[in-house]
N, C-alpha and C. Protein backbone atom coordinates (compact mmCIF):
# COMPACT_ATOMS: atom_id res chain seq x y z
N MET A 1 77.39 50.53 -24.57
CA MET A 1 76.83 51.81 -24.15
C MET A 1 77.09 52.06 -22.66
N LYS A 2 76.94 51.01 -21.85
CA LYS A 2 77.20 51.15 -20.42
C LYS A 2 78.65 51.53 -20.17
N ARG A 3 79.58 50.91 -20.91
CA ARG A 3 81.00 51.22 -20.77
C ARG A 3 81.26 52.69 -21.15
N PHE A 4 80.56 53.17 -22.18
CA PHE A 4 80.74 54.55 -22.63
C PHE A 4 80.30 55.53 -21.54
N ARG A 5 79.11 55.27 -20.92
CA ARG A 5 78.58 56.18 -19.90
C ARG A 5 79.40 56.13 -18.63
N SER A 6 79.86 54.98 -18.26
CA SER A 6 80.53 54.84 -16.97
C SER A 6 82.04 55.02 -17.03
N TYR A 7 82.63 54.88 -18.20
CA TYR A 7 84.10 54.90 -18.28
C TYR A 7 84.61 55.99 -19.24
N ILE A 8 84.11 55.95 -20.46
CA ILE A 8 84.65 56.86 -21.47
C ILE A 8 84.11 58.28 -21.30
N LEU A 9 82.80 58.42 -21.08
CA LEU A 9 82.20 59.75 -20.99
C LEU A 9 82.78 60.59 -19.85
N PRO A 10 82.92 60.05 -18.62
CA PRO A 10 83.50 60.88 -17.56
C PRO A 10 84.91 61.37 -17.90
N ARG A 11 85.72 60.51 -18.51
CA ARG A 11 87.08 60.91 -18.85
C ARG A 11 87.09 61.93 -20.00
N LEU A 12 86.16 61.79 -20.90
CA LEU A 12 86.06 62.76 -21.99
C LEU A 12 85.65 64.13 -21.45
N LEU A 13 84.67 64.12 -20.53
CA LEU A 13 84.25 65.40 -19.93
C LEU A 13 85.37 66.03 -19.11
N LEU A 14 86.16 65.19 -18.42
CA LEU A 14 87.29 65.70 -17.64
C LEU A 14 88.34 66.33 -18.56
N ALA A 15 88.60 65.68 -19.68
CA ALA A 15 89.58 66.21 -20.63
C ALA A 15 89.10 67.53 -21.22
N LEU A 16 87.81 67.61 -21.58
CA LEU A 16 87.27 68.84 -22.14
C LEU A 16 87.27 69.96 -21.10
N SER A 17 86.96 69.61 -19.85
CA SER A 17 86.98 70.62 -18.78
C SER A 17 88.39 71.14 -18.55
N SER A 18 89.37 70.24 -18.57
CA SER A 18 90.76 70.64 -18.40
C SER A 18 91.21 71.54 -19.54
N LEU A 19 90.80 71.19 -20.76
CA LEU A 19 91.16 72.02 -21.91
C LEU A 19 90.52 73.39 -21.81
N ALA A 20 89.26 73.44 -21.39
CA ALA A 20 88.58 74.73 -21.24
C ALA A 20 89.25 75.57 -20.16
N LEU A 21 89.70 74.92 -19.07
CA LEU A 21 90.39 75.64 -18.00
C LEU A 21 91.71 76.22 -18.50
N LEU A 22 92.46 75.43 -19.27
CA LEU A 22 93.73 75.91 -19.80
C LEU A 22 93.52 77.08 -20.76
N VAL A 23 92.49 76.98 -21.60
CA VAL A 23 92.20 78.08 -22.52
C VAL A 23 91.81 79.34 -21.75
N SER A 24 91.03 79.19 -20.67
CA SER A 24 90.62 80.33 -19.85
C SER A 24 91.83 80.97 -19.19
N ILE A 25 92.74 80.14 -18.67
CA ILE A 25 93.95 80.66 -18.04
C ILE A 25 94.81 81.40 -19.06
N PHE A 26 94.88 80.86 -20.28
CA PHE A 26 95.68 81.49 -21.32
C PHE A 26 95.12 82.88 -21.66
N PHE A 27 93.79 82.99 -21.81
CA PHE A 27 93.20 84.29 -22.13
C PHE A 27 93.30 85.25 -20.94
N LEU A 28 93.23 84.73 -19.72
CA LEU A 28 93.44 85.56 -18.54
C LEU A 28 94.87 86.10 -18.53
N TRP A 29 95.84 85.25 -18.88
CA TRP A 29 97.24 85.65 -18.96
C TRP A 29 97.43 86.75 -20.01
N LEU A 30 96.76 86.61 -21.16
CA LEU A 30 96.84 87.63 -22.20
C LEU A 30 96.19 88.94 -21.74
N SER A 31 95.08 88.83 -21.00
CA SER A 31 94.38 90.03 -20.55
C SER A 31 95.19 90.82 -19.54
N MET A 32 96.15 90.17 -18.86
CA MET A 32 97.02 90.84 -17.90
C MET A 32 98.33 91.29 -18.55
N ASN A 33 98.31 91.43 -19.88
CA ASN A 33 99.47 91.88 -20.65
C ASN A 33 100.59 90.84 -20.61
N ALA A 34 100.21 89.58 -20.60
CA ALA A 34 101.14 88.46 -20.72
C ALA A 34 102.33 88.56 -19.78
N PRO A 35 102.12 88.50 -18.47
CA PRO A 35 103.23 88.58 -17.52
C PRO A 35 104.14 87.36 -17.62
N LEU A 36 105.42 87.55 -17.21
CA LEU A 36 106.41 86.48 -17.18
C LEU A 36 107.12 86.50 -15.84
N PRO A 37 107.77 85.40 -15.47
CA PRO A 37 108.37 85.31 -14.13
C PRO A 37 109.70 86.03 -13.95
N SER A 38 110.15 86.81 -14.93
CA SER A 38 111.38 87.58 -14.74
C SER A 38 111.32 88.85 -15.56
N ALA A 39 111.93 89.91 -15.03
CA ALA A 39 111.98 91.18 -15.75
C ALA A 39 112.78 91.05 -17.03
N ALA A 40 113.86 90.27 -16.99
CA ALA A 40 114.70 90.10 -18.18
C ALA A 40 113.90 89.47 -19.32
N ALA A 41 113.02 88.53 -19.00
CA ALA A 41 112.22 87.87 -20.04
C ALA A 41 111.24 88.86 -20.69
N ILE A 42 110.64 89.75 -19.88
CA ILE A 42 109.74 90.75 -20.42
C ILE A 42 110.51 91.71 -21.32
N CYS A 43 111.68 92.16 -20.86
CA CYS A 43 112.48 93.10 -21.66
C CYS A 43 112.92 92.46 -22.97
N ALA A 44 113.28 91.19 -22.93
CA ALA A 44 113.68 90.49 -24.15
C ALA A 44 112.51 90.41 -25.13
N ARG A 45 111.30 90.17 -24.61
CA ARG A 45 110.13 90.11 -25.48
C ARG A 45 109.84 91.48 -26.09
N LEU A 46 109.99 92.54 -25.31
CA LEU A 46 109.79 93.89 -25.85
C LEU A 46 110.82 94.19 -26.93
N ASP A 47 112.05 93.72 -26.75
CA ASP A 47 113.08 93.92 -27.77
C ASP A 47 112.69 93.24 -29.07
N ARG A 48 112.20 92.02 -28.96
CA ARG A 48 111.80 91.30 -30.18
C ARG A 48 110.67 92.03 -30.90
N GLU A 49 109.74 92.60 -30.13
CA GLU A 49 108.63 93.34 -30.74
C GLU A 49 109.13 94.60 -31.45
N ARG A 50 110.27 95.14 -30.98
CA ARG A 50 110.83 96.36 -31.57
C ARG A 50 111.96 96.05 -32.55
N TYR A 51 112.14 94.78 -32.86
CA TYR A 51 113.19 94.34 -33.78
C TYR A 51 114.58 94.77 -33.29
N VAL A 52 114.79 94.63 -31.98
CA VAL A 52 116.08 94.93 -31.36
C VAL A 52 116.67 93.63 -30.85
N SER A 53 117.98 93.48 -30.97
CA SER A 53 118.63 92.27 -30.49
C SER A 53 119.92 92.62 -29.77
N GLY A 54 120.34 91.73 -28.88
CA GLY A 54 121.63 91.88 -28.22
C GLY A 54 121.65 92.82 -27.04
N SER A 55 120.49 93.22 -26.51
CA SER A 55 120.47 94.13 -25.37
C SER A 55 120.71 93.37 -24.07
N ALA A 56 121.47 94.01 -23.17
CA ALA A 56 121.72 93.47 -21.83
C ALA A 56 121.30 94.52 -20.81
N LEU A 57 120.58 94.10 -19.77
CA LEU A 57 120.16 95.04 -18.73
C LEU A 57 121.37 95.52 -17.95
N ILE A 58 121.49 96.86 -17.80
CA ILE A 58 122.65 97.42 -17.09
C ILE A 58 122.25 98.16 -15.82
N ALA A 59 120.97 98.48 -15.65
CA ALA A 59 120.55 99.21 -14.45
C ALA A 59 119.04 99.11 -14.29
N SER A 60 118.58 99.27 -13.05
CA SER A 60 117.14 99.26 -12.77
C SER A 60 116.91 99.89 -11.41
N GLY A 61 115.66 100.23 -11.14
CA GLY A 61 115.31 100.79 -9.85
C GLY A 61 113.82 101.00 -9.74
N PRO A 62 113.30 101.11 -8.52
CA PRO A 62 111.86 101.35 -8.34
C PRO A 62 111.49 102.77 -8.71
N ILE A 63 110.25 102.95 -9.16
CA ILE A 63 109.72 104.28 -9.45
C ILE A 63 108.87 104.71 -8.26
N ARG A 64 109.31 105.75 -7.57
CA ARG A 64 108.61 106.24 -6.38
C ARG A 64 108.10 107.65 -6.64
N TYR A 65 106.91 107.93 -6.08
CA TYR A 65 106.27 109.22 -6.26
C TYR A 65 106.18 109.94 -4.91
N GLN A 66 106.07 111.27 -4.98
CA GLN A 66 106.04 112.06 -3.76
C GLN A 66 104.81 111.77 -2.93
N ASP A 67 103.68 111.49 -3.59
CA ASP A 67 102.44 111.14 -2.88
C ASP A 67 101.95 109.79 -3.41
N PRO A 68 102.45 108.68 -2.85
CA PRO A 68 102.08 107.36 -3.38
C PRO A 68 100.62 107.00 -3.16
N ASP A 69 99.93 107.71 -2.28
CA ASP A 69 98.52 107.41 -2.01
C ASP A 69 97.57 108.19 -2.91
N LEU A 70 98.11 109.02 -3.79
CA LEU A 70 97.26 109.78 -4.71
C LEU A 70 96.53 108.82 -5.64
N PRO A 71 95.21 108.98 -5.82
CA PRO A 71 94.46 108.07 -6.72
C PRO A 71 95.08 108.04 -8.12
N GLY A 72 95.21 106.84 -8.65
CA GLY A 72 95.78 106.68 -9.98
C GLY A 72 97.28 106.53 -10.02
N THR A 73 97.93 106.63 -8.86
CA THR A 73 99.39 106.49 -8.83
C THR A 73 99.77 105.03 -9.06
N PRO A 74 100.64 104.75 -10.03
CA PRO A 74 101.05 103.36 -10.27
C PRO A 74 101.71 102.74 -9.05
N ARG A 75 101.52 101.45 -8.88
CA ARG A 75 102.10 100.72 -7.76
C ARG A 75 103.12 99.70 -8.29
N ASN A 76 104.18 99.50 -7.53
CA ASN A 76 105.16 98.44 -7.82
C ASN A 76 105.73 98.54 -9.24
N THR A 77 106.01 99.75 -9.69
CA THR A 77 106.60 99.92 -11.02
C THR A 77 108.09 100.16 -10.90
N TRP A 78 108.82 99.64 -11.88
CA TRP A 78 110.28 99.75 -11.92
C TRP A 78 110.71 100.22 -13.30
N TRP A 79 111.83 100.92 -13.34
CA TRP A 79 112.44 101.27 -14.62
C TRP A 79 113.66 100.37 -14.84
N PHE A 80 113.93 100.08 -16.09
CA PHE A 80 115.08 99.26 -16.48
C PHE A 80 115.76 99.92 -17.68
N VAL A 81 117.07 99.78 -17.74
CA VAL A 81 117.84 100.26 -18.89
C VAL A 81 118.62 99.09 -19.47
N GLY A 82 118.48 98.89 -20.78
CA GLY A 82 119.27 97.89 -21.49
C GLY A 82 120.19 98.58 -22.48
N LYS A 83 121.26 97.91 -22.84
CA LYS A 83 122.23 98.49 -23.77
C LYS A 83 122.71 97.42 -24.73
N ASN A 84 122.81 97.79 -26.01
CA ASN A 84 123.44 96.92 -26.99
C ASN A 84 124.51 97.71 -27.72
N SER A 85 124.89 97.29 -28.89
CA SER A 85 126.01 97.91 -29.58
C SER A 85 125.74 99.34 -30.04
N GLY A 86 124.47 99.70 -30.19
CA GLY A 86 124.20 101.03 -30.72
C GLY A 86 123.10 101.82 -30.07
N THR A 87 122.38 101.23 -29.11
CA THR A 87 121.26 101.95 -28.50
C THR A 87 121.12 101.61 -27.02
N PHE A 88 120.48 102.54 -26.31
CA PHE A 88 119.96 102.27 -24.97
C PHE A 88 118.48 101.97 -25.12
N GLN A 89 118.00 100.98 -24.38
CA GLN A 89 116.58 100.64 -24.36
C GLN A 89 116.04 100.95 -22.97
N PHE A 90 114.87 101.57 -22.92
CA PHE A 90 114.25 101.94 -21.64
C PHE A 90 112.93 101.20 -21.49
N TYR A 91 112.73 100.58 -20.33
CA TYR A 91 111.53 99.78 -20.08
C TYR A 91 110.91 100.22 -18.75
N THR A 92 109.58 100.22 -18.72
CA THR A 92 108.85 100.42 -17.47
C THR A 92 108.02 99.17 -17.22
N LEU A 93 108.28 98.50 -16.10
CA LEU A 93 107.62 97.24 -15.79
C LEU A 93 106.88 97.32 -14.46
N GLU A 94 105.85 96.52 -14.36
CA GLU A 94 105.10 96.39 -13.10
C GLU A 94 105.37 95.02 -12.50
N LYS A 95 105.68 95.01 -11.21
CA LYS A 95 105.91 93.75 -10.50
C LYS A 95 104.59 93.28 -9.91
N MET A 96 104.19 92.04 -10.25
CA MET A 96 102.91 91.50 -9.83
C MET A 96 103.10 90.28 -8.94
N TRP A 97 102.42 90.26 -7.81
CA TRP A 97 102.36 89.08 -6.94
C TRP A 97 103.74 88.55 -6.57
N GLY A 98 104.72 89.41 -6.54
CA GLY A 98 106.03 89.03 -6.03
C GLY A 98 106.96 88.33 -6.99
N PHE A 99 106.44 87.74 -8.09
CA PHE A 99 107.35 87.03 -8.99
C PHE A 99 107.01 87.21 -10.47
N LEU A 100 105.84 87.73 -10.80
CA LEU A 100 105.47 87.96 -12.19
C LEU A 100 105.67 89.44 -12.54
N TRP A 101 106.13 89.68 -13.76
CA TRP A 101 106.35 91.04 -14.27
C TRP A 101 105.56 91.23 -15.56
N ARG A 102 105.11 92.47 -15.80
CA ARG A 102 104.49 92.80 -17.07
C ARG A 102 104.90 94.21 -17.47
N SER A 103 104.81 94.48 -18.77
CA SER A 103 105.21 95.79 -19.29
C SER A 103 104.09 96.80 -19.11
N THR A 104 104.48 98.04 -18.79
CA THR A 104 103.52 99.15 -18.76
C THR A 104 103.87 100.18 -19.82
N ASP A 105 104.82 99.87 -20.69
CA ASP A 105 105.22 100.80 -21.75
C ASP A 105 104.07 101.03 -22.71
N GLN A 106 103.88 102.29 -23.08
CA GLN A 106 102.87 102.65 -24.08
C GLN A 106 103.50 103.04 -25.41
N SER A 107 104.83 103.23 -25.43
CA SER A 107 105.50 103.63 -26.66
C SER A 107 106.95 103.16 -26.61
N VAL A 108 107.60 103.17 -27.76
CA VAL A 108 109.00 102.77 -27.84
C VAL A 108 109.87 103.82 -27.16
N ARG A 109 110.76 103.37 -26.31
CA ARG A 109 111.70 104.27 -25.63
C ARG A 109 113.10 103.80 -25.97
N GLN A 110 113.79 104.60 -26.75
CA GLN A 110 115.11 104.18 -27.22
C GLN A 110 115.98 105.40 -27.47
N ALA A 111 117.26 105.29 -27.17
CA ALA A 111 118.22 106.35 -27.46
C ALA A 111 119.38 105.75 -28.22
N GLU A 112 119.66 106.30 -29.40
CA GLU A 112 120.79 105.83 -30.19
C GLU A 112 122.05 106.61 -29.80
N PHE A 113 123.18 105.92 -29.81
CA PHE A 113 124.44 106.62 -29.54
C PHE A 113 125.47 106.22 -30.59
N SER A 114 126.27 107.20 -30.95
CA SER A 114 127.32 107.02 -31.94
C SER A 114 128.36 108.11 -31.71
N PRO A 115 129.52 108.04 -32.37
CA PRO A 115 130.53 109.10 -32.20
C PRO A 115 130.02 110.49 -32.56
N ASP A 116 128.98 110.57 -33.38
CA ASP A 116 128.46 111.88 -33.80
C ASP A 116 127.32 112.38 -32.92
N SER A 117 126.83 111.56 -32.01
CA SER A 117 125.70 111.97 -31.18
C SER A 117 126.20 112.33 -29.78
N PRO A 118 125.41 113.11 -29.02
CA PRO A 118 125.81 113.44 -27.65
C PRO A 118 126.02 112.18 -26.81
N ALA A 119 127.00 112.22 -25.92
CA ALA A 119 127.33 111.06 -25.10
C ALA A 119 126.49 110.99 -23.83
N ILE A 120 125.39 111.75 -23.79
CA ILE A 120 124.52 111.76 -22.61
C ILE A 120 123.08 111.92 -23.07
N PHE A 121 122.17 111.26 -22.34
CA PHE A 121 120.76 111.26 -22.74
C PHE A 121 119.90 111.11 -21.50
N ALA A 122 118.76 111.82 -21.47
CA ALA A 122 117.83 111.77 -20.34
C ALA A 122 116.49 111.22 -20.78
N GLN A 123 115.90 110.36 -19.96
CA GLN A 123 114.61 109.75 -20.28
C GLN A 123 113.68 109.75 -19.06
N PRO A 124 112.49 110.41 -19.14
CA PRO A 124 111.51 110.32 -18.05
C PRO A 124 110.90 108.92 -18.03
N MET A 125 110.74 108.36 -16.84
CA MET A 125 110.18 107.02 -16.68
C MET A 125 109.02 107.07 -15.68
N GLY A 126 107.94 106.36 -16.01
CA GLY A 126 106.80 106.29 -15.11
C GLY A 126 106.07 107.61 -14.97
N THR A 127 105.79 108.28 -16.08
CA THR A 127 105.16 109.61 -16.03
C THR A 127 103.76 109.54 -15.44
N LEU A 128 103.51 110.40 -14.44
CA LEU A 128 102.21 110.51 -13.78
C LEU A 128 101.70 111.93 -13.98
N PHE A 129 100.52 112.07 -14.59
CA PHE A 129 99.96 113.38 -14.83
C PHE A 129 99.25 113.88 -13.56
N LEU A 130 99.59 115.10 -13.17
CA LEU A 130 99.07 115.68 -11.93
C LEU A 130 98.07 116.79 -12.19
N GLY A 131 97.50 116.83 -13.38
CA GLY A 131 96.53 117.87 -13.70
C GLY A 131 97.18 119.23 -13.80
N THR A 132 96.64 120.18 -13.06
CA THR A 132 97.17 121.55 -13.11
C THR A 132 98.54 121.68 -12.45
N ASP A 133 98.97 120.65 -11.74
CA ASP A 133 100.30 120.69 -11.10
C ASP A 133 101.41 120.22 -12.02
N GLY A 134 101.07 119.72 -13.21
CA GLY A 134 102.10 119.28 -14.15
C GLY A 134 102.21 117.78 -14.22
N VAL A 135 103.44 117.28 -14.28
CA VAL A 135 103.70 115.85 -14.35
C VAL A 135 104.80 115.48 -13.36
N GLU A 136 104.82 114.20 -12.99
CA GLU A 136 105.84 113.68 -12.09
C GLU A 136 106.39 112.38 -12.67
N PHE A 137 107.69 112.17 -12.52
CA PHE A 137 108.31 110.96 -13.07
C PHE A 137 109.67 110.74 -12.41
N THR A 138 110.27 109.61 -12.72
CA THR A 138 111.68 109.36 -12.38
C THR A 138 112.49 109.68 -13.63
N LEU A 139 113.50 110.53 -13.47
CA LEU A 139 114.34 110.91 -14.60
C LEU A 139 115.61 110.06 -14.58
N VAL A 140 115.84 109.33 -15.66
CA VAL A 140 117.01 108.48 -15.80
C VAL A 140 117.96 109.10 -16.82
N VAL A 141 119.22 109.25 -16.45
CA VAL A 141 120.23 109.81 -17.34
C VAL A 141 121.29 108.75 -17.59
N VAL A 142 121.66 108.56 -18.85
CA VAL A 142 122.69 107.59 -19.21
C VAL A 142 123.79 108.31 -19.99
N SER A 143 125.01 107.82 -19.85
CA SER A 143 126.14 108.41 -20.57
C SER A 143 127.04 107.29 -21.08
N THR A 144 127.56 107.47 -22.28
CA THR A 144 128.49 106.50 -22.86
C THR A 144 129.94 106.89 -22.62
N ASP A 145 130.17 108.03 -21.98
CA ASP A 145 131.54 108.49 -21.71
C ASP A 145 131.96 108.00 -20.32
N PRO A 146 132.95 107.13 -20.22
CA PRO A 146 133.34 106.57 -18.91
C PRO A 146 133.94 107.60 -17.96
N SER A 147 134.34 108.77 -18.45
CA SER A 147 134.93 109.78 -17.56
C SER A 147 133.86 110.59 -16.82
N VAL A 148 132.60 110.44 -17.20
CA VAL A 148 131.52 111.17 -16.52
C VAL A 148 131.24 110.53 -15.17
N VAL A 149 131.34 111.34 -14.11
CA VAL A 149 131.08 110.85 -12.75
C VAL A 149 129.94 111.60 -12.08
N ARG A 150 129.51 112.70 -12.68
CA ARG A 150 128.40 113.49 -12.11
C ARG A 150 127.58 114.07 -13.25
N VAL A 151 126.26 114.08 -13.05
CA VAL A 151 125.37 114.63 -14.07
C VAL A 151 124.44 115.65 -13.44
N GLU A 152 123.93 116.53 -14.28
CA GLU A 152 122.90 117.47 -13.87
C GLU A 152 121.93 117.66 -15.02
N ALA A 153 120.73 118.11 -14.69
CA ALA A 153 119.72 118.33 -15.72
C ALA A 153 118.83 119.49 -15.32
N ARG A 154 118.25 120.12 -16.33
CA ARG A 154 117.24 121.16 -16.12
C ARG A 154 116.06 120.84 -17.03
N LEU A 155 114.86 120.97 -16.48
CA LEU A 155 113.66 120.58 -17.20
C LEU A 155 112.61 121.67 -17.11
N ALA A 156 111.81 121.80 -18.15
CA ALA A 156 110.69 122.72 -18.14
C ALA A 156 109.74 122.38 -19.27
N HIS A 157 108.45 122.62 -19.03
CA HIS A 157 107.48 122.56 -20.11
C HIS A 157 107.53 123.89 -20.86
N MET A 158 107.65 123.81 -22.19
CA MET A 158 107.74 125.03 -22.99
C MET A 158 106.66 125.02 -24.06
N GLY A 159 106.00 126.17 -24.20
CA GLY A 159 105.06 126.36 -25.28
C GLY A 159 105.80 126.73 -26.56
N ILE A 160 105.06 126.82 -27.65
CA ILE A 160 105.66 127.10 -28.95
C ILE A 160 106.36 128.46 -28.94
N GLU A 161 105.71 129.47 -28.40
CA GLU A 161 106.31 130.79 -28.37
C GLU A 161 107.49 130.85 -27.40
N GLU A 162 107.41 130.10 -26.32
CA GLU A 162 108.48 130.12 -25.33
C GLU A 162 109.78 129.52 -25.86
N ARG A 163 109.68 128.66 -26.87
CA ARG A 163 110.88 128.04 -27.43
C ARG A 163 111.78 129.06 -28.16
N GLU A 164 111.24 130.25 -28.41
CA GLU A 164 112.07 131.27 -29.02
C GLU A 164 113.15 131.77 -28.06
N ASP A 165 112.90 131.63 -26.78
CA ASP A 165 113.90 132.02 -25.78
C ASP A 165 113.90 130.98 -24.66
N PRO A 166 114.41 129.78 -24.94
CA PRO A 166 114.35 128.71 -23.93
C PRO A 166 115.17 129.00 -22.69
N GLN A 167 116.24 129.77 -22.83
CA GLN A 167 117.07 130.05 -21.66
C GLN A 167 116.30 130.80 -20.58
N SER A 168 115.48 131.77 -20.99
CA SER A 168 114.72 132.52 -20.00
C SER A 168 113.69 131.64 -19.31
N VAL A 169 113.13 130.67 -20.05
CA VAL A 169 112.18 129.74 -19.44
C VAL A 169 112.88 128.88 -18.40
N MET A 170 114.05 128.35 -18.75
CA MET A 170 114.80 127.53 -17.80
C MET A 170 115.20 128.34 -16.57
N ASP A 171 115.57 129.60 -16.78
CA ASP A 171 115.97 130.44 -15.65
C ASP A 171 114.79 130.75 -14.75
N SER A 172 113.59 130.89 -15.32
CA SER A 172 112.44 131.31 -14.51
C SER A 172 111.75 130.15 -13.80
N ARG A 173 111.63 129.00 -14.48
CA ARG A 173 110.90 127.91 -13.83
C ARG A 173 111.51 126.53 -14.11
N GLY A 174 112.75 126.49 -14.57
CA GLY A 174 113.40 125.21 -14.81
C GLY A 174 113.60 124.42 -13.52
N VAL A 175 113.42 123.12 -13.59
CA VAL A 175 113.58 122.22 -12.43
C VAL A 175 114.92 121.52 -12.54
N SER A 176 115.68 121.50 -11.43
CA SER A 176 117.00 120.87 -11.40
C SER A 176 117.00 119.78 -10.34
N PRO A 177 116.75 118.54 -10.70
CA PRO A 177 116.66 117.45 -9.71
C PRO A 177 118.03 117.00 -9.22
N GLU A 178 118.02 116.31 -8.09
CA GLU A 178 119.23 115.70 -7.53
C GLU A 178 119.32 114.25 -7.99
N PHE A 179 120.50 113.86 -8.48
CA PHE A 179 120.69 112.52 -9.03
C PHE A 179 121.49 111.62 -8.10
N THR A 180 121.19 110.33 -8.19
CA THR A 180 121.96 109.29 -7.51
C THR A 180 122.48 108.32 -8.57
N GLN A 181 123.78 107.99 -8.51
CA GLN A 181 124.31 107.05 -9.48
C GLN A 181 123.84 105.65 -9.14
N VAL A 182 123.26 104.97 -10.12
CA VAL A 182 122.70 103.64 -9.92
C VAL A 182 123.70 102.56 -10.34
N SER A 183 124.37 102.78 -11.45
CA SER A 183 125.40 101.87 -11.93
C SER A 183 126.34 102.68 -12.82
N GLU A 184 127.33 102.03 -13.38
CA GLU A 184 128.28 102.76 -14.22
C GLU A 184 127.56 103.35 -15.43
N GLY A 185 127.61 104.67 -15.53
CA GLY A 185 127.00 105.34 -16.66
C GLY A 185 125.51 105.58 -16.55
N VAL A 186 124.90 105.32 -15.39
CA VAL A 186 123.45 105.49 -15.23
C VAL A 186 123.16 106.20 -13.91
N TRP A 187 122.34 107.25 -13.97
CA TRP A 187 121.92 108.01 -12.80
C TRP A 187 120.40 108.15 -12.82
N ALA A 188 119.81 108.35 -11.64
CA ALA A 188 118.36 108.48 -11.55
C ALA A 188 117.98 109.52 -10.51
N ALA A 189 116.89 110.24 -10.78
CA ALA A 189 116.31 111.20 -9.83
C ALA A 189 114.84 110.86 -9.70
N GLN A 190 114.38 110.58 -8.49
CA GLN A 190 113.00 110.15 -8.29
C GLN A 190 112.11 111.32 -7.89
N GLY A 191 110.82 111.17 -8.17
CA GLY A 191 109.84 112.16 -7.74
C GLY A 191 110.06 113.54 -8.33
N VAL A 192 110.44 113.61 -9.61
CA VAL A 192 110.67 114.90 -10.26
C VAL A 192 109.33 115.46 -10.73
N VAL A 193 108.96 116.63 -10.24
CA VAL A 193 107.70 117.28 -10.63
C VAL A 193 108.02 118.49 -11.50
N VAL A 194 107.45 118.54 -12.69
CA VAL A 194 107.66 119.66 -13.60
C VAL A 194 106.32 120.37 -13.80
N PRO A 195 106.22 121.65 -13.40
CA PRO A 195 104.94 122.37 -13.56
C PRO A 195 104.60 122.61 -15.01
N PRO A 196 103.33 122.87 -15.30
CA PRO A 196 102.92 123.07 -16.70
C PRO A 196 103.36 124.43 -17.23
N SER A 197 103.30 124.55 -18.54
CA SER A 197 103.58 125.83 -19.19
C SER A 197 102.36 126.73 -19.12
N GLY A 198 102.57 128.01 -19.31
CA GLY A 198 101.45 128.94 -19.34
C GLY A 198 100.68 128.87 -20.64
N GLU A 199 101.28 128.23 -21.66
CA GLU A 199 100.60 128.10 -22.94
C GLU A 199 99.74 126.83 -22.98
N ARG A 200 98.78 126.83 -23.87
CA ARG A 200 97.86 125.69 -23.96
C ARG A 200 98.58 124.44 -24.46
N TYR A 201 99.44 124.63 -25.47
CA TYR A 201 100.18 123.50 -26.04
C TYR A 201 101.66 123.64 -25.69
N SER A 202 102.20 122.63 -25.07
CA SER A 202 103.60 122.68 -24.66
C SER A 202 104.18 121.28 -24.68
N SER A 203 105.49 121.20 -24.57
CA SER A 203 106.18 119.91 -24.51
C SER A 203 107.30 120.00 -23.51
N LEU A 204 107.71 118.85 -23.00
CA LEU A 204 108.78 118.78 -22.00
C LEU A 204 110.13 118.92 -22.69
N VAL A 205 110.94 119.85 -22.20
CA VAL A 205 112.28 120.06 -22.72
C VAL A 205 113.28 119.73 -21.62
N ILE A 206 114.30 118.93 -21.96
CA ILE A 206 115.29 118.50 -20.98
C ILE A 206 116.68 118.84 -21.49
N TRP A 207 117.47 119.52 -20.67
CA TRP A 207 118.89 119.71 -20.93
C TRP A 207 119.64 118.88 -19.91
N CYS A 208 120.66 118.19 -20.31
CA CYS A 208 121.46 117.43 -19.35
C CYS A 208 122.94 117.55 -19.69
N ARG A 209 123.79 117.41 -18.66
CA ARG A 209 125.23 117.57 -18.80
C ARG A 209 125.95 116.53 -17.96
N GLY A 210 127.15 116.18 -18.37
CA GLY A 210 127.99 115.26 -17.61
C GLY A 210 129.35 115.88 -17.32
N TYR A 211 129.83 115.65 -16.11
CA TYR A 211 131.10 116.25 -15.65
C TYR A 211 132.06 115.15 -15.20
N ASP A 212 133.36 115.44 -15.32
CA ASP A 212 134.37 114.49 -14.84
C ASP A 212 134.67 114.74 -13.38
N ALA A 213 135.65 114.01 -12.85
CA ALA A 213 135.96 114.10 -11.42
C ALA A 213 136.51 115.46 -11.03
N ASN A 214 137.03 116.21 -11.98
CA ASN A 214 137.56 117.55 -11.70
C ASN A 214 136.52 118.64 -11.90
N GLY A 215 135.29 118.26 -12.25
CA GLY A 215 134.23 119.24 -12.46
C GLY A 215 134.19 119.84 -13.84
N ALA A 216 134.98 119.31 -14.77
CA ALA A 216 135.00 119.82 -16.14
C ALA A 216 133.83 119.24 -16.92
N LEU A 217 133.20 120.06 -17.77
CA LEU A 217 132.09 119.62 -18.60
C LEU A 217 132.61 118.68 -19.68
N ILE A 218 132.06 117.46 -19.72
CA ILE A 218 132.49 116.45 -20.69
C ILE A 218 131.52 116.32 -21.85
N CYS A 219 130.22 116.32 -21.56
CA CYS A 219 129.23 116.14 -22.61
C CYS A 219 127.94 116.85 -22.21
N ALA A 220 127.15 117.17 -23.21
CA ALA A 220 125.88 117.86 -22.96
C ALA A 220 124.89 117.48 -24.05
N ASN A 221 123.62 117.55 -23.69
CA ASN A 221 122.54 117.31 -24.63
C ASN A 221 121.45 118.35 -24.36
N PRO A 222 121.25 119.35 -25.22
CA PRO A 222 121.79 119.46 -26.57
C PRO A 222 123.30 119.65 -26.60
N ALA A 223 123.89 119.34 -27.75
CA ALA A 223 125.34 119.34 -27.88
C ALA A 223 125.95 120.71 -27.61
N GLN A 224 125.21 121.77 -27.94
CA GLN A 224 125.67 123.11 -27.65
C GLN A 224 124.88 123.64 -26.45
N PRO A 225 125.36 123.39 -25.22
CA PRO A 225 124.59 123.73 -24.05
C PRO A 225 124.43 125.25 -23.88
N LEU A 226 123.28 125.64 -23.40
CA LEU A 226 123.03 127.03 -23.08
C LEU A 226 123.33 127.28 -21.61
N GLU A 227 123.82 128.43 -21.30
CA GLU A 227 124.20 128.74 -19.92
C GLU A 227 123.04 129.36 -19.16
């Protein structure tokens, strides 16, 4: 009994305390959305959750807002683009404590490409709701056509009735951001603010186009661009 109290019991309590500490750390890790020490590892895990394989990261960049001190504005968020044989994958990640990353995605973000689909696609990243001022985000445009060297886009919130004449909506309040090429086939525009529609129910509509070095239109989404 003396040996148990003086030798075995302290070591047993130490082992149980260590196990409890490890379990607590594990649940803390889960509560922080299971961060990992690299962005690539987080993106690979998101791919597995979406039953996607073979994606490779091709571009990334920080998400910056016009007023970073506004309450509720995300901090240290980055966008990433992955590509595999048939789709582009879009990820929004938060950088934590300098070396840990976690996902902030709330839904699947994916664009399929094929010979029958448009060779250009636009995806808002890091959407921040500004109340009556609309929404703000980083707009990422990707193209599968290697001859595209410049892109442009027009955006507007449109109500159901406004969709009957989308061209007039784009002409009256469409937003045309300035893009910077991030990598081959990927462009980004930061701090894009799109005002709300006059209707109660509306959705974001994006038109985008790609041009070659001579300024000729190569691709557009929708496929039949409106002037």
